[in-house]
C-alpha cells in the first residue's frame, strides 16, 4: 500500500537565497501521539535540510521522503533539545544536496510532495 502523507504549511518565507517552511505532517495511519508532527524545512542554494521529531512517525516521514527524493548523502543526525542529558525534544536532521542549477526543480518537487505550489 502506498503511503500518502498530507502536509499543512503553517509558515512559509521566501528569502533571496532560502525558502523556509514550517508545518505539520499527517501520516496515512492513526498517530498515537497527542502532539502534532512538526517539520522545519529550508531549501538553500544547493541543499534541502529538514528537521523533524525523533520518534516513530518522524522516522517514517524521512523514509517516505527518501523514497521520493532519493537517499540523502548522509544518514540523519540527532539534535537534542533542552537538557543534553535526556532526549526530550530530540530532532532528526537530514539534508539532500543538489547542484545549484537544480534548485528550481527541487522546489517544484517539494511543492508536489507538500501538495502546494512554492515560490
N, C-alpha and C. Protein backbone atom coordinates (compact mmCIF):
# COMPACT_ATOMS: atom_id res chain seq x y z
N UNK A 1 0.84 -1.19 0.00
CA UNK A 1 0.00 0.00 0.00
C UNK A 1 0.88 1.24 0.00
N UNK A 2 0.64 2.16 -0.91
CA UNK A 2 1.42 3.39 -0.98
C UNK A 2 1.04 4.32 0.16
N UNK A 3 2.01 4.96 0.73
CA UNK A 3 1.76 5.92 1.79
C UNK A 3 1.46 7.28 1.15
N UNK A 4 0.41 7.91 1.59
CA UNK A 4 0.06 9.25 1.12
C UNK A 4 0.00 10.18 2.31
N UNK A 5 1.11 10.75 2.63
CA UNK A 5 1.18 11.71 3.71
C UNK A 5 0.50 13.00 3.28
N UNK A 6 -0.06 13.72 4.23
CA UNK A 6 -0.64 15.03 4.00
C UNK A 6 0.18 16.05 4.79
N UNK A 7 0.21 17.27 4.31
CA UNK A 7 1.02 18.30 4.95
C UNK A 7 0.21 19.59 5.10
N UNK A 8 0.42 20.26 6.21
CA UNK A 8 -0.16 21.56 6.47
C UNK A 8 0.99 22.54 6.64
N UNK A 9 1.06 23.56 5.81
CA UNK A 9 2.11 24.57 5.93
C UNK A 9 1.60 25.66 6.86
N UNK A 10 2.31 25.88 7.96
CA UNK A 10 1.93 26.90 8.93
C UNK A 10 2.65 28.22 8.69
N UNK A 11 3.84 28.14 8.11
CA UNK A 11 4.64 29.34 7.83
C UNK A 11 5.48 29.09 6.60
N UNK A 12 5.50 30.06 5.71
CA UNK A 12 6.32 29.99 4.51
C UNK A 12 6.99 31.34 4.33
N UNK A 13 8.30 31.32 4.15
CA UNK A 13 9.05 32.57 3.98
C UNK A 13 10.07 32.38 2.86
N UNK A 14 9.92 33.18 1.83
CA UNK A 14 10.85 33.13 0.70
C UNK A 14 11.84 34.28 0.86
N UNK A 15 13.10 33.94 1.03
CA UNK A 15 14.17 34.93 1.09
C UNK A 15 14.96 34.84 -0.21
N UNK A 16 15.95 35.69 -0.35
CA UNK A 16 16.71 35.69 -1.61
C UNK A 16 17.43 34.37 -1.86
N UNK A 17 17.97 33.75 -0.82
CA UNK A 17 18.72 32.51 -1.01
C UNK A 17 18.13 31.33 -0.23
N UNK A 18 17.00 31.53 0.42
CA UNK A 18 16.41 30.48 1.23
C UNK A 18 14.89 30.48 1.09
N UNK A 19 14.33 29.31 1.09
CA UNK A 19 12.89 29.12 1.21
C UNK A 19 12.69 28.35 2.51
N UNK A 20 11.96 28.94 3.45
CA UNK A 20 11.77 28.34 4.76
C UNK A 20 10.32 27.91 4.89
N UNK A 21 10.13 26.68 5.33
CA UNK A 21 8.79 26.13 5.51
C UNK A 21 8.68 25.50 6.88
N UNK A 22 7.61 25.83 7.58
CA UNK A 22 7.30 25.18 8.84
C UNK A 22 5.89 24.63 8.72
N UNK A 23 5.69 23.44 9.24
CA UNK A 23 4.35 22.88 9.14
C UNK A 23 4.19 21.60 9.92
N UNK A 24 3.11 20.92 9.61
CA UNK A 24 2.79 19.66 10.24
C UNK A 24 2.64 18.59 9.18
N UNK A 25 3.09 17.38 9.52
CA UNK A 25 2.94 16.23 8.64
C UNK A 25 1.88 15.31 9.25
N UNK A 26 1.05 14.77 8.39
CA UNK A 26 -0.03 13.91 8.82
C UNK A 26 0.13 12.56 8.14
N UNK A 27 0.52 11.53 8.89
CA UNK A 27 0.76 10.22 8.27
C UNK A 27 -0.54 9.55 7.81
N UNK A 28 -0.40 8.56 6.93
CA UNK A 28 -1.59 7.87 6.40
C UNK A 28 -2.10 6.78 7.34
N UNK A 29 -1.87 6.92 8.61
CA UNK A 29 -2.32 5.96 9.61
C UNK A 29 -2.62 6.75 10.88
N UNK A 30 -3.32 6.12 11.81
CA UNK A 30 -3.66 6.80 13.05
C UNK A 30 -2.39 7.01 13.87
N UNK A 31 -2.18 8.22 14.29
CA UNK A 31 -0.99 8.59 15.05
C UNK A 31 -1.30 8.46 16.55
N UNK A 32 -0.39 7.84 17.29
CA UNK A 32 -0.63 7.55 18.71
C UNK A 32 -0.10 8.60 19.66
N UNK A 33 0.34 9.72 19.11
CA UNK A 33 0.83 10.81 19.95
C UNK A 33 -0.20 11.94 19.92
N UNK A 34 -0.29 12.67 21.02
CA UNK A 34 -1.22 13.80 21.07
C UNK A 34 -0.64 15.03 20.39
N UNK A 35 0.68 15.18 20.41
CA UNK A 35 1.33 16.34 19.81
C UNK A 35 1.39 16.17 18.29
N UNK A 36 1.20 17.26 17.54
CA UNK A 36 1.35 17.18 16.08
C UNK A 36 2.80 16.86 15.70
N UNK A 37 2.98 16.31 14.52
CA UNK A 37 4.31 16.04 13.98
C UNK A 37 4.75 17.26 13.18
N UNK A 38 5.57 18.10 13.79
CA UNK A 38 6.05 19.32 13.14
C UNK A 38 7.28 19.04 12.30
N UNK A 39 7.46 19.85 11.26
CA UNK A 39 8.70 19.80 10.48
C UNK A 39 9.14 21.23 10.19
N UNK A 40 10.42 21.36 9.94
CA UNK A 40 11.03 22.64 9.58
C UNK A 40 11.95 22.34 8.41
N UNK A 41 11.71 22.96 7.28
CA UNK A 41 12.50 22.69 6.07
C UNK A 41 13.07 23.99 5.53
N UNK A 42 14.30 23.90 5.02
CA UNK A 42 14.95 25.04 4.39
C UNK A 42 15.53 24.55 3.06
N UNK A 43 15.15 25.25 1.98
CA UNK A 43 15.77 24.99 0.69
C UNK A 43 16.77 26.11 0.48
N UNK A 44 18.04 25.75 0.48
CA UNK A 44 19.11 26.71 0.26
C UNK A 44 19.54 26.68 -1.20
N UNK A 45 20.68 27.30 -1.48
CA UNK A 45 21.16 27.35 -2.87
C UNK A 45 21.47 25.98 -3.46
N UNK A 46 21.89 25.03 -2.61
CA UNK A 46 22.29 23.71 -3.12
C UNK A 46 21.91 22.56 -2.19
N UNK A 47 20.94 22.80 -1.30
CA UNK A 47 20.53 21.73 -0.39
C UNK A 47 19.11 21.95 0.13
N UNK A 48 18.51 20.86 0.54
CA UNK A 48 17.24 20.87 1.27
C UNK A 48 17.55 20.27 2.63
N UNK A 49 17.33 21.03 3.68
CA UNK A 49 17.51 20.48 5.03
C UNK A 49 16.14 20.35 5.68
N UNK A 50 16.00 19.31 6.47
CA UNK A 50 14.72 19.03 7.11
C UNK A 50 14.97 18.61 8.55
N UNK A 51 14.19 19.19 9.46
CA UNK A 51 14.19 18.80 10.86
C UNK A 51 12.82 18.27 11.18
N UNK A 52 12.77 17.14 11.90
CA UNK A 52 11.52 16.51 12.27
C UNK A 52 11.72 15.80 13.61
N UNK A 53 10.64 15.56 14.32
CA UNK A 53 10.73 14.91 15.62
C UNK A 53 11.41 13.55 15.52
N UNK A 54 12.20 13.25 16.55
CA UNK A 54 12.85 11.94 16.59
C UNK A 54 11.90 10.98 17.31
N UNK A 55 11.00 10.44 16.55
CA UNK A 55 10.09 9.42 17.05
C UNK A 55 9.72 8.52 15.88
N UNK A 56 8.87 7.57 16.13
CA UNK A 56 8.47 6.61 15.10
C UNK A 56 7.94 7.32 13.86
N UNK A 57 7.07 8.31 14.06
CA UNK A 57 6.46 8.99 12.92
C UNK A 57 7.47 9.84 12.17
N UNK A 58 8.38 10.50 12.88
CA UNK A 58 9.42 11.28 12.22
C UNK A 58 10.32 10.40 11.36
N UNK A 59 10.66 9.24 11.88
CA UNK A 59 11.48 8.30 11.10
C UNK A 59 10.73 7.79 9.88
N UNK A 60 9.44 7.53 10.04
CA UNK A 60 8.63 7.08 8.90
C UNK A 60 8.53 8.18 7.84
N UNK A 61 8.41 9.44 8.27
CA UNK A 61 8.36 10.56 7.33
C UNK A 61 9.66 10.63 6.54
N UNK A 62 10.80 10.51 7.20
CA UNK A 62 12.08 10.55 6.49
C UNK A 62 12.19 9.40 5.49
N UNK A 63 11.72 8.23 5.87
CA UNK A 63 11.73 7.07 4.97
C UNK A 63 10.85 7.36 3.74
N UNK A 64 9.69 7.94 3.96
CA UNK A 64 8.78 8.31 2.87
C UNK A 64 9.46 9.31 1.92
N UNK A 65 10.06 10.35 2.48
CA UNK A 65 10.72 11.36 1.64
C UNK A 65 11.92 10.80 0.91
N UNK A 66 12.67 9.90 1.53
CA UNK A 66 13.80 9.27 0.84
C UNK A 66 13.32 8.48 -0.36
N UNK A 67 12.14 7.89 -0.27
CA UNK A 67 11.57 7.17 -1.41
C UNK A 67 11.22 8.10 -2.56
N UNK A 68 10.89 9.35 -2.25
CA UNK A 68 10.51 10.31 -3.28
C UNK A 68 11.67 11.16 -3.78
N UNK A 69 12.59 11.49 -2.89
CA UNK A 69 13.70 12.38 -3.24
C UNK A 69 15.02 11.65 -3.43
N UNK A 70 15.06 10.38 -3.10
CA UNK A 70 16.31 9.63 -3.11
C UNK A 70 16.94 9.69 -1.72
N UNK A 71 17.88 8.82 -1.51
CA UNK A 71 18.55 8.77 -0.21
C UNK A 71 19.43 10.01 -0.03
N UNK A 72 19.41 10.60 1.16
CA UNK A 72 20.34 11.69 1.42
C UNK A 72 21.77 11.16 1.45
N UNK A 73 22.74 12.06 1.26
CA UNK A 73 24.15 11.65 1.22
C UNK A 73 24.61 11.06 2.54
N UNK A 74 24.07 11.56 3.64
CA UNK A 74 24.47 11.09 4.97
C UNK A 74 23.21 10.71 5.75
N UNK A 75 23.33 9.78 6.69
CA UNK A 75 22.16 9.42 7.50
C UNK A 75 21.73 10.59 8.38
N UNK A 76 20.49 10.55 8.87
CA UNK A 76 20.02 11.64 9.75
C UNK A 76 20.90 11.80 10.98
N UNK A 77 21.08 13.07 11.38
CA UNK A 77 21.80 13.36 12.62
C UNK A 77 20.78 13.63 13.70
N UNK A 78 21.15 13.40 14.94
CA UNK A 78 20.25 13.64 16.06
C UNK A 78 20.69 14.90 16.77
N UNK A 79 19.73 15.80 17.00
CA UNK A 79 20.00 17.01 17.76
C UNK A 79 19.11 16.95 18.99
N UNK A 80 19.73 17.06 20.16
CA UNK A 80 18.97 17.02 21.40
C UNK A 80 18.52 18.42 21.77
N UNK A 81 17.29 18.53 22.22
CA UNK A 81 16.77 19.81 22.69
C UNK A 81 16.71 19.80 24.20
N UNK A 82 16.58 20.96 24.78
CA UNK A 82 16.51 21.04 26.24
C UNK A 82 17.79 20.56 26.87
N UNK A 83 17.67 19.76 27.89
CA UNK A 83 18.83 19.22 28.59
C UNK A 83 19.58 18.24 27.71
N UNK A 84 20.87 18.33 27.69
CA UNK A 84 21.67 17.39 26.90
C UNK A 84 21.75 16.02 27.56
N UNK A 85 21.18 15.89 28.76
CA UNK A 85 21.22 14.61 29.47
C UNK A 85 20.06 13.70 29.09
N UNK A 86 19.03 14.25 28.48
CA UNK A 86 17.90 13.42 28.06
C UNK A 86 17.57 13.74 26.62
N UNK A 87 16.63 13.00 26.07
CA UNK A 87 16.29 13.17 24.67
C UNK A 87 14.97 13.89 24.48
N UNK A 88 14.49 14.60 25.50
CA UNK A 88 13.26 15.36 25.37
C UNK A 88 13.43 16.41 24.26
N UNK A 89 12.56 16.39 23.31
CA UNK A 89 12.63 17.35 22.22
C UNK A 89 13.67 17.02 21.17
N UNK A 90 14.15 15.79 21.12
CA UNK A 90 15.18 15.42 20.15
C UNK A 90 14.62 15.52 18.73
N UNK A 91 15.47 15.97 17.81
CA UNK A 91 15.11 16.12 16.41
C UNK A 91 16.02 15.28 15.53
N UNK A 92 15.50 14.87 14.40
CA UNK A 92 16.30 14.26 13.35
C UNK A 92 16.54 15.33 12.30
N UNK A 93 17.79 15.49 11.89
CA UNK A 93 18.16 16.45 10.86
C UNK A 93 18.74 15.69 9.68
N UNK A 94 18.26 16.01 8.49
CA UNK A 94 18.74 15.34 7.29
C UNK A 94 18.86 16.38 6.18
N UNK A 95 19.79 16.14 5.25
CA UNK A 95 19.99 17.05 4.12
C UNK A 95 20.09 16.29 2.81
N UNK A 96 19.45 16.85 1.80
CA UNK A 96 19.60 16.37 0.44
C UNK A 96 20.35 17.46 -0.31
N UNK A 97 21.41 17.09 -1.00
CA UNK A 97 22.20 18.06 -1.77
C UNK A 97 21.86 17.93 -3.25
N UNK A 98 21.94 19.04 -3.94
CA UNK A 98 21.68 19.08 -5.37
C UNK A 98 22.55 20.18 -5.96
N UNK A 99 22.82 20.13 -7.27
CA UNK A 99 23.60 21.22 -7.89
C UNK A 99 22.78 22.50 -7.87
N UNK A 100 23.44 23.65 -7.74
CA UNK A 100 22.70 24.92 -7.70
C UNK A 100 21.73 25.12 -8.86
N UNK A 101 22.04 24.61 -10.04
CA UNK A 101 21.13 24.75 -11.17
C UNK A 101 19.86 23.91 -10.98
N UNK A 102 19.87 22.98 -10.04
CA UNK A 102 18.71 22.13 -9.79
C UNK A 102 17.80 22.64 -8.69
N UNK A 103 18.06 23.84 -8.19
CA UNK A 103 17.26 24.38 -7.09
C UNK A 103 15.78 24.53 -7.46
N UNK A 104 15.50 25.07 -8.63
CA UNK A 104 14.12 25.25 -9.06
C UNK A 104 13.38 23.92 -9.16
N UNK A 105 14.07 22.92 -9.67
CA UNK A 105 13.49 21.59 -9.78
C UNK A 105 13.20 21.01 -8.39
N UNK A 106 14.11 21.21 -7.44
CA UNK A 106 13.91 20.71 -6.08
C UNK A 106 12.71 21.40 -5.43
N UNK A 107 12.59 22.71 -5.61
CA UNK A 107 11.45 23.45 -5.04
C UNK A 107 10.15 22.95 -5.66
N UNK A 108 10.15 22.73 -6.97
CA UNK A 108 8.96 22.22 -7.65
C UNK A 108 8.59 20.83 -7.11
N UNK A 109 9.58 19.97 -6.99
CA UNK A 109 9.33 18.60 -6.49
C UNK A 109 8.82 18.63 -5.05
N UNK A 110 9.41 19.48 -4.22
CA UNK A 110 8.96 19.61 -2.84
C UNK A 110 7.52 20.12 -2.79
N UNK A 111 7.18 21.05 -3.65
CA UNK A 111 5.81 21.54 -3.73
C UNK A 111 4.83 20.43 -4.10
N UNK A 112 5.23 19.56 -5.03
CA UNK A 112 4.39 18.41 -5.39
C UNK A 112 4.17 17.51 -4.18
N UNK A 113 5.22 17.24 -3.43
CA UNK A 113 5.11 16.38 -2.25
C UNK A 113 4.21 17.00 -1.20
N UNK A 114 4.36 18.31 -0.99
CA UNK A 114 3.58 19.01 0.03
C UNK A 114 2.15 19.33 -0.43
N UNK A 115 1.90 19.21 -1.73
CA UNK A 115 0.57 19.46 -2.24
C UNK A 115 0.23 20.92 -2.45
N UNK A 116 1.26 21.74 -2.73
CA UNK A 116 1.01 23.17 -2.99
C UNK A 116 2.16 23.74 -3.81
N UNK A 117 1.87 24.77 -4.57
CA UNK A 117 2.91 25.44 -5.34
C UNK A 117 3.78 26.28 -4.40
N UNK A 118 5.06 26.23 -4.62
CA UNK A 118 6.01 27.00 -3.81
C UNK A 118 6.68 28.06 -4.68
N UNK A 119 7.07 29.19 -4.09
CA UNK A 119 7.70 30.26 -4.88
C UNK A 119 9.08 29.87 -5.38
